[in-house]
Protein backbone atom coordinates (compact mmCIF):
# COMPACT_ATOMS: atom_id res chain seq x y z
CA UNK A 1 -16.60 -28.16 4.09
CA UNK A 2 -15.48 -31.00 6.35
CA UNK A 3 -13.98 -32.96 3.41
CA UNK A 4 -12.75 -30.00 1.36
CA UNK A 5 -9.22 -31.41 1.00
CA UNK A 6 -10.52 -34.40 -0.94
CA UNK A 7 -12.14 -32.26 -3.62
CA UNK A 8 -10.65 -31.86 -7.08
CA UNK A 9 -8.12 -29.05 -7.51
CA UNK A 10 -7.31 -27.65 -10.96
CA UNK A 11 -8.97 -30.63 -12.68
CA UNK A 12 -7.03 -33.23 -10.59
CA UNK A 13 -8.86 -35.73 -8.43
CA UNK A 14 -7.60 -37.12 -5.14
CA UNK A 15 -5.84 -40.12 -6.68
CA UNK A 16 -3.97 -37.95 -9.17
CA UNK A 17 -2.84 -35.66 -6.36
CA UNK A 18 -1.67 -38.67 -4.34
CA UNK A 19 0.28 -40.03 -7.32
CA UNK A 20 1.95 -36.66 -7.81
CA UNK A 21 2.83 -36.48 -4.10
CA UNK A 22 4.30 -40.01 -4.29
CA UNK A 23 6.38 -39.04 -7.32
CA UNK A 24 7.73 -35.96 -5.53
CA UNK A 25 8.50 -38.10 -2.47
CA UNK A 26 10.50 -40.62 -4.53
CA UNK A 27 12.42 -37.83 -6.25
CA UNK A 28 13.26 -36.27 -2.89
CA UNK A 29 14.42 -39.63 -1.49
CA UNK A 30 16.63 -40.20 -4.52
CA UNK A 31 18.14 -36.73 -4.18
CA UNK A 32 18.74 -37.41 -0.45
CA UNK A 33 20.54 -40.70 -1.20
CA UNK A 34 22.70 -38.96 -3.80
CA UNK A 35 23.61 -36.21 -1.33
CA UNK A 36 24.43 -38.78 1.36
CA UNK A 37 26.69 -40.72 -1.02
CA UNK A 38 28.42 -37.51 -2.04
CA UNK A 39 28.90 -36.57 1.62
CA UNK A 40 30.41 -39.98 2.43
CA UNK A 41 32.82 -39.74 -0.51
CA UNK A 42 33.90 -36.24 0.47
CA UNK A 43 34.35 -37.34 4.09
CA UNK A 44 36.54 -40.30 3.11
CA UNK A 45 38.57 -38.09 0.82
CA UNK A 46 38.93 -35.47 3.55
CA UNK A 47 40.15 -38.00 6.11
CA UNK A 48 42.69 -39.52 3.73
CA UNK A 49 43.82 -36.40 1.82
CA UNK A 50 46.09 -34.59 4.32
CA UNK A 51 48.27 -37.55 5.45
CA UNK A 52 48.91 -38.56 1.84
CA UNK A 53 50.15 -35.08 1.05
CA UNK A 54 52.54 -35.10 4.00
CA UNK A 55 53.82 -38.66 3.89
CA UNK A 56 54.33 -39.19 0.14
CA UNK A 57 57.95 -39.64 -1.01
CA UNK A 58 59.45 -36.45 -2.48
CA UNK A 59 60.81 -38.10 -5.59
CA UNK A 60 57.50 -39.76 -6.60
CA UNK A 61 55.18 -36.75 -6.32
CA UNK A 62 53.89 -34.70 -9.19
CA UNK A 63 55.12 -31.12 -8.80
CA UNK A 64 52.62 -29.73 -11.33
CA UNK A 65 49.94 -29.49 -8.63
CA UNK A 66 52.11 -27.35 -6.34
CA UNK A 67 52.59 -23.67 -7.16
CA UNK A 68 55.80 -21.67 -6.54
CA UNK A 69 55.25 -18.35 -8.33
CA UNK A 70 58.86 -17.27 -8.87
CA UNK A 71 59.91 -20.64 -10.35
CA UNK A 72 56.65 -21.22 -12.26
CA UNK A 73 56.98 -17.91 -14.10
CA UNK A 74 60.53 -18.78 -15.21
CA UNK A 75 59.44 -22.26 -16.26
CA UNK A 76 56.61 -20.83 -18.37
CA UNK A 77 58.99 -18.38 -20.08
CA UNK A 78 61.55 -21.11 -20.79
CA UNK A 79 58.85 -23.43 -22.13
CA UNK A 80 57.55 -20.77 -24.53
CA UNK A 81 61.14 -20.07 -25.64
CA UNK A 82 61.69 -23.79 -26.26
CA UNK A 83 58.53 -24.03 -28.35
CA UNK A 84 59.68 -21.09 -30.48
CA UNK A 85 63.11 -22.67 -31.01
CA UNK A 86 61.68 -26.05 -31.99
CA UNK A 87 59.82 -24.34 -34.81
CA UNK A 88 63.17 -23.20 -36.29
CA UNK A 89 65.78 -25.72 -35.06
CA UNK A 90 66.04 -29.45 -34.45
CA UNK A 91 66.39 -31.32 -31.16
CA UNK A 92 70.18 -31.47 -31.55
CA UNK A 93 70.65 -27.72 -31.83
CA UNK A 94 72.84 -26.30 -29.01
CA UNK A 95 70.34 -23.61 -28.06
CA UNK A 96 67.56 -26.22 -27.73
CA UNK A 97 69.77 -28.41 -25.56
CA UNK A 98 70.73 -25.44 -23.40
CA UNK A 99 67.10 -24.46 -22.85
CA UNK A 100 66.12 -28.05 -21.96
CA UNK A 101 68.96 -28.19 -19.42
CA UNK A 102 67.74 -24.93 -17.83
CA UNK A 103 64.17 -26.28 -17.65
CA UNK A 104 65.44 -29.47 -15.96
CA UNK A 105 67.42 -27.43 -13.44
CA UNK A 106 64.39 -25.23 -12.63
CA UNK A 107 62.21 -28.30 -12.13
CA UNK A 108 64.83 -29.83 -9.83
CA UNK A 109 65.03 -26.54 -7.91
CA UNK A 110 61.22 -26.48 -7.54
CA UNK A 111 61.22 -30.07 -6.34
CA UNK A 112 63.88 -29.26 -3.71
CA UNK A 113 61.83 -26.30 -2.42
CA UNK A 114 58.68 -28.44 -2.18
CA UNK A 115 60.66 -31.08 -0.28
CA UNK A 116 62.04 -28.46 2.11
CA UNK A 117 58.55 -27.08 2.80
CA UNK A 118 57.11 -30.51 3.53
CA UNK A 119 59.97 -31.38 5.85
CA UNK A 120 59.38 -28.12 7.73
CA UNK A 121 55.66 -28.86 8.00
CA UNK A 122 56.29 -32.40 9.30
CA UNK A 123 58.89 -31.23 11.84
CA UNK A 124 56.44 -28.63 13.32
CA UNK A 125 53.57 -30.51 15.00
CA UNK A 126 51.79 -27.30 15.95
CA UNK A 127 51.05 -26.53 12.30
CA UNK A 128 47.37 -27.38 11.67
CA UNK A 129 46.53 -29.76 8.85
CA UNK A 130 43.83 -27.42 7.60
CA UNK A 131 46.42 -25.04 6.11
CA UNK A 132 46.38 -27.16 2.96
CA UNK A 133 44.08 -25.43 0.36
CA UNK A 134 42.82 -28.81 -0.84
CA UNK A 135 41.89 -29.76 2.71
CA UNK A 136 40.07 -26.47 3.20
CA UNK A 137 38.12 -26.88 -0.05
CA UNK A 138 37.15 -30.41 0.94
CA UNK A 139 35.97 -29.17 4.34
CA UNK A 140 33.82 -26.51 2.67
CA UNK A 141 32.36 -29.12 0.31
CA UNK A 142 31.56 -31.42 3.25
CA UNK A 143 29.75 -28.57 5.04
CA UNK A 144 27.73 -27.77 1.94
CA UNK A 145 26.86 -31.44 1.53
CA UNK A 146 25.67 -31.61 5.15
CA UNK A 147 23.46 -28.54 4.62
CA UNK A 148 22.02 -30.07 1.46
CA UNK A 149 21.32 -33.33 3.30
CA UNK A 150 19.50 -31.45 6.08
CA UNK A 151 17.33 -29.58 3.56
CA UNK A 152 16.52 -32.78 1.67
CA UNK A 153 15.64 -34.59 4.89
CA UNK A 154 13.17 -31.82 5.73
CA UNK A 155 11.66 -32.02 2.24
CA UNK A 156 11.38 -35.82 2.41
CA UNK A 157 9.70 -35.60 5.82
CA UNK A 158 7.16 -33.04 4.54
CA UNK A 159 6.34 -35.06 1.40
CA UNK A 160 6.05 -38.20 3.53
CA UNK A 161 3.52 -36.51 5.82
CA UNK A 162 1.47 -35.33 2.82
CA UNK A 163 1.56 -38.75 1.21
CA UNK A 164 0.53 -40.50 4.43
CA UNK A 165 -2.34 -38.06 4.94
CA UNK A 166 -3.57 -38.67 1.39
CA UNK A 167 -3.34 -42.44 1.89
CA UNK A 168 -5.48 -42.15 5.02
CA UNK A 169 -7.97 -40.00 3.11
CA UNK A 170 -8.21 -42.66 0.36
CA UNK A 171 -9.71 -45.06 2.86
CA UNK A 172 -12.50 -42.57 3.55
CA UNK A 173 -13.25 -41.75 -0.10
CA UNK A 174 -16.01 -44.42 -0.56
CA UNK A 175 -17.73 -43.25 2.63
CA UNK A 176 -17.49 -39.58 1.58
CA UNK A 177 -18.87 -40.35 -1.89
CA UNK A 178 -21.74 -42.33 -0.37
CA UNK A 179 -22.59 -39.46 1.98
CA UNK A 180 -22.44 -37.00 -0.91
CA UNK A 181 -24.77 -39.14 -3.03
CA UNK A 182 -27.16 -39.47 -0.06
CA UNK A 183 -27.20 -35.70 0.41
CA UNK A 184 -27.97 -35.11 -3.27
CA UNK A 185 -30.71 -37.74 -3.25
CA UNK A 186 -32.33 -36.27 -0.14
CA UNK A 187 -32.10 -32.79 -1.62
CA UNK A 188 -33.79 -33.83 -4.86
CA UNK A 189 -36.57 -35.58 -2.96
CA UNK A 190 -37.15 -32.60 -0.68
CA UNK A 191 -37.12 -30.23 -3.64
CA UNK A 192 -39.69 -32.31 -5.51
CA UNK A 193 -41.93 -32.51 -2.43
CA UNK A 194 -41.66 -28.78 -1.91
CA UNK A 195 -42.64 -28.02 -5.50
CA UNK A 196 -45.63 -30.34 -5.21
CA UNK A 197 -46.73 -28.63 -1.99
CA UNK A 198 -46.42 -25.21 -3.62
CA UNK A 199 -48.57 -26.35 -6.54
CA UNK A 200 -51.18 -27.77 -4.17
CA UNK A 201 -51.23 -24.52 -2.17
CA UNK A 202 -51.78 -22.45 -5.33
CA UNK A 203 -54.54 -24.84 -6.43
CA UNK A 204 -56.17 -24.55 -3.01
CA UNK A 205 -56.03 -20.75 -3.14
CA UNK A 206 -57.63 -20.69 -6.58
CA UNK A 207 -60.32 -23.14 -5.44
CA UNK A 208 -61.15 -21.00 -2.41
CA UNK A 209 -61.44 -17.91 -4.59
CA UNK A 210 -63.80 -19.72 -6.97
CA UNK A 211 -65.87 -21.02 -4.04
CA UNK A 212 -66.30 -17.52 -2.67
CA UNK A 213 -67.78 -16.38 -5.99
CA UNK A 214 -70.45 -19.12 -6.07
CA UNK A 215 -73.97 -17.64 -6.15
CA UNK A 216 -73.01 -14.50 -8.06
CA UNK A 217 -75.15 -14.01 -11.21
CA UNK A 218 -73.16 -12.81 -14.21
CA UNK A 219 -75.33 -11.15 -16.88
CA UNK A 220 -74.35 -9.39 -20.08
CA UNK A 221 -75.63 -5.84 -19.79
CA UNK A 222 -74.21 -4.33 -22.97
CA UNK A 223 -72.49 -6.09 -25.86
CA UNK A 224 -68.89 -5.07 -26.58
CA UNK A 225 -68.49 -2.11 -28.90
CA UNK A 226 -65.67 -0.35 -30.58
CA UNK A 227 -64.82 2.93 -28.89
CA UNK A 228 -65.92 5.88 -31.08
CA UNK A 229 -62.94 7.87 -29.95
CA UNK A 230 -59.76 6.87 -31.75
CA UNK A 231 -56.77 6.07 -29.67
CA UNK A 232 -54.32 7.96 -31.91
CA UNK A 233 -53.62 10.34 -33.49
CA UNK A 234 -55.47 13.27 -31.94
CA UNK A 235 -56.94 14.78 -35.10
CA UNK A 236 -58.22 17.92 -33.36
CA UNK A 237 -54.62 18.74 -32.49
CA UNK A 238 -52.90 17.06 -35.41
CA UNK A 239 -54.66 18.96 -38.23
CA UNK A 240 -54.06 22.53 -36.91
CA UNK A 241 -50.50 21.54 -36.11
CA UNK A 242 -50.05 20.40 -39.71
CA UNK A 243 -51.25 23.78 -40.98
CA UNK A 244 -48.87 25.64 -38.70
CA UNK A 245 -45.96 23.41 -39.76
CA UNK A 246 -46.76 24.10 -43.43
CA UNK A 247 -46.82 27.89 -42.86
CA UNK A 248 -43.59 27.70 -40.85
CA UNK A 249 -41.98 25.65 -43.62
CA UNK A 250 -42.87 28.31 -46.18
CA UNK A 251 -41.42 31.07 -44.02
CA UNK A 252 -38.29 29.01 -43.44
CA UNK A 253 -37.80 28.36 -47.15
CA UNK A 254 -38.22 32.07 -47.91
CA UNK A 255 -35.73 33.03 -45.20
CA UNK A 256 -33.23 30.46 -46.46
CA UNK A 257 -33.55 31.83 -50.03
CA UNK A 258 -32.95 35.37 -48.78
CA UNK A 259 -29.85 34.20 -46.93
CA UNK A 260 -28.49 32.34 -49.95
CA UNK A 261 -29.04 35.32 -52.30
CA UNK A 262 -29.00 38.38 -50.04
CA UNK A 263 -30.15 41.83 -51.19
CA UNK A 264 -29.42 45.27 -49.74
CA UNK A 265 -32.33 47.63 -49.19
CA UNK A 266 -30.45 50.72 -47.96
CA UNK A 267 -27.04 52.34 -48.32
CA UNK A 268 -26.03 51.88 -44.70
CA UNK A 269 -26.31 48.05 -44.85
CA UNK A 270 -24.29 48.00 -48.08
CA UNK A 271 -21.57 50.23 -46.57
CA UNK A 272 -21.31 48.04 -43.46
CA UNK A 273 -21.13 44.85 -45.50
CA UNK A 274 -18.51 46.05 -48.00
CA UNK A 275 -16.45 48.28 -45.68
CA UNK A 276 -15.94 50.65 -48.63
CA UNK A 277 -16.94 54.29 -49.12
CA UNK A 278 -20.32 54.67 -50.83
CA UNK A 279 -20.34 57.40 -53.50
CA UNK A 280 -24.10 57.50 -54.09
CA UNK A 281 -27.35 55.65 -54.60
CA UNK A 282 -29.95 55.52 -57.42
CA UNK A 283 -33.59 55.61 -56.34
CA UNK A 284 -36.20 53.37 -57.90
CA UNK A 285 -39.01 55.26 -59.55
CA UNK A 286 -42.23 53.29 -59.83
CA UNK A 287 -44.74 54.04 -62.54
CA UNK A 288 -48.34 52.97 -62.90
CA UNK A 289 -47.48 49.69 -64.65
CA UNK A 290 -45.14 48.62 -61.86
CA UNK A 291 -47.63 49.60 -59.20
CA UNK A 292 -50.36 47.56 -60.91
CA UNK A 293 -47.97 44.58 -61.11
CA UNK A 294 -47.16 44.84 -57.42
CA UNK A 295 -50.84 45.17 -56.62
CA UNK A 296 -51.62 42.02 -58.64
CA UNK A 297 -48.84 40.11 -56.86
CA UNK A 298 -50.24 41.13 -53.50
CA UNK A 299 -53.71 40.07 -54.53
CA UNK A 300 -52.47 36.69 -55.76
CA UNK A 301 -50.57 36.11 -52.50
CA UNK A 302 -53.62 37.04 -50.44
CA UNK A 303 -55.83 34.79 -52.54
CA UNK A 304 -53.43 31.91 -52.12
CA UNK A 305 -53.43 32.32 -48.35
CA UNK A 306 -57.20 32.57 -48.21
CA UNK A 307 -57.51 29.50 -50.43
CA UNK A 308 -55.20 27.52 -48.14
CA UNK A 309 -57.21 28.44 -45.06
CA UNK A 310 -60.44 27.72 -46.90
CA UNK A 311 -59.27 24.33 -48.08
CA UNK A 312 -58.20 23.49 -44.54
CA UNK A 313 -61.59 24.54 -43.18
CA UNK A 314 -63.42 22.58 -45.90
CA UNK A 315 -61.41 19.48 -45.07
CA UNK A 316 -62.24 19.75 -41.39
CA UNK A 317 -65.90 20.27 -42.18
CA UNK A 318 -66.01 17.28 -44.49
CA UNK A 319 -64.25 15.15 -41.89
CA UNK A 320 -66.68 15.97 -39.11
CA UNK A 321 -69.82 15.98 -41.30
CA UNK A 322 -69.35 12.89 -43.47
CA UNK A 323 -66.80 10.53 -41.94
CA UNK A 324 -67.63 10.90 -38.25
CA UNK A 325 -71.31 9.65 -38.55
CA UNK A 326 -70.04 6.71 -40.62
CA UNK A 327 -67.55 5.82 -37.91
CA UNK A 328 -70.23 6.11 -35.25
CA UNK A 329 -72.54 3.78 -37.19
CA UNK A 330 -69.75 1.24 -37.62
CA UNK A 331 -69.00 1.39 -33.90
CA UNK A 332 -72.62 0.68 -32.98
CA UNK A 333 -72.50 -2.66 -34.67
CA UNK A 334 -71.78 -5.52 -32.21
CA UNK A 335 -68.54 -7.46 -32.53
């Protein structure tokens, strides 16, 4: 915890972090030098811009950089008219010459107005030099450059502090690594000693328990035998349950067959199922042959049921009479 800053962050060790901080510091210094050079150039241009605009000779100045709206609009119209005429006529055409003369006169008029304005500005000392738009733009640029320089100086100072702190931490890295290795070595030794002591304590506990049992005579009273009672399944419950499941399965199959092929035993059920008027019913008349057939069917059904119960009882009897003594004899044998 004391040297947490020197640990690796996002897979980067301390030296990689220091190299990255140095790279950011150099980039910030370069950006600061560029901003300072730009500020100096803008300052020199600002200090020399306004006097040159006021003291330049009127006949040698370029009037294209000065705007007079009423003359500029006429010059643009005349220039477009001249371009259209040159597409149809030659340079010697009278209309072309007339238009060129008008353009020259407008340019001379614009130059005279610019000269008059500059003379008025020079004759009035109270007029501030900052009224020039170029001067104002240069002043704004100088202010922005100064703000940029201040921000870059703060950034350079912060990166310099980080880099210096990392350089100081580099001197302590061998000592920190040595302390870390010593801690790990001491931990491993203490862990090994602790495990050995735990093993010795368990051995001592087992030895004391064995010592306490010295003098006790162990004798074999009865040899091991197989338990005569089976663990599973419980046959006394399983066999009657099987019989009941078989009877229930027969009843279920009969009920399912009656539901798949239903029959009506009275007129009321038929009327309710069909929702139609019932005109009449025909009764079934049983004779002696049919009665004997029904009686035989009942006897066969009863015999089948009695045979099932008898077979079940015979199976139980055979199980308990023949197989149980054999199992008991096998369980008496020693293993």
